[in-house]
Structure formats: C-alpha cells, structure tokens
Amino acid sequence: MVLISSLWLPILVSAVLVFLVSSIIHMLLPYHRSDYGHVPGEDAVMDALRRFNIPPGDYLMPAPRGPEAMRSPEFIAKRERGPIMMMTVFRPGPPTMGKQLVLWFLYSLLVSLFGGYVAGISLGPGAAYLVVFRIVGTVTFAAYALGLWQNSIWFGKGWSITLKSTFDGLIYALLTGGSFGWLWPR
C-alpha cells in the first residue's frame, strides 16, 4: 500500500499536464469547433428571449410541473408543437474564463487524487510502471470520459460531442496514468 500523501507529486504533475493539454485541445485544435450549431434566426431568437430576462441556469421547455402534468392535453400539445429544448443560460457580457479554469484545475486534481488513491490501496512501493499506468489510467478515464455519456443518453447531447470529449478523456487518462507510472514511489 502507498499512502496518498506520498503521491502529491504525481497528482500535481498530472493535473498540470491535463490542464495544459486541455487548453491546447480547446484553443488550438479544430475538432471541437463544430460542437455546437447555430440557431436559425439567431438574432431574432435572442431578441425574443432577451425581454424575459431569464436568470442564469438550466431550463427545459416545455417543462411539466409534475408527473400528472406530463399526461395533460396541454402539455402533450406543447411537446407536439415544439420546439423541445434544454438550455443553459449564462450571464450576459464578455466571457470570463478565470473561475472555470480554476474549477477545471481543481477537478483535475480531484480526478488524479482518486486515481492515486485506487492505485495506492492496490499497489505497493516499487510497482511496475505499466501496472501503475493501467490502474490510474483506467480510473481516471472513467472519471474524465464515461460520466459524459449519460448526457447523450438522457439529455439529447449530440453523440459527436460526447465521443470527441471521450477522446479528450482518453488523452487526459493517458497523461495521468503516465505521470503516476513515472513518479510512483520506489
């Protein structure tokens, strides 16, 4: 067994690597640029919604007020007429990424912490690189990628977005597993 306190270096190194590589993926590589489509008549739709001053949050339309409402003729008619949508509303104004970047880094630390914990209770000091890599990589792949699939299964998120993000998660898991294998206590 390896104490989690002795894994602070691979936890930190892997989180930094994931943070840097994810920045490169999203800023320089083109494959995420097609993740979201444009709403036809975008300006008119934005003008129409603006007057409602919708606060930031997640919304469903039409949104039933309970199980009984889902069976009501009014709700059924709304669903048949459409559009049906889930939307996230952000605060207006220029985008600020500071908070999200800090939260992403903290999330990466947490994923690495859990990967290290599982490997630490499974392996002892001096474990082989590939064994450490396999355990940490598997745990962190599950954390970075597999949880995204429920958004496509249940909430209509496009599978292309989910599969591209799953690929990203594989890259992050390989970096994390590699960091732990390299820096595993001897």
Foldseek 3Di string as FASTA:
>chain_A
DADLVLCPVLLLQLLVVLLVVVCCCVPPNCLCVPQDDADVVNVVVCVVCVVVVDDFDKDWPPDAPDPVSCPDPVNVVRVVVDDTDIDGDDDDDDDDCVVVSVVSSVLSSVLLSVLSVVCRVVDDAPDALVVQLVSSLVSQLCVQAVVLVVCCVPVVRDVSNNVVSSVSSNVSSNSSSNSCSVSGHD
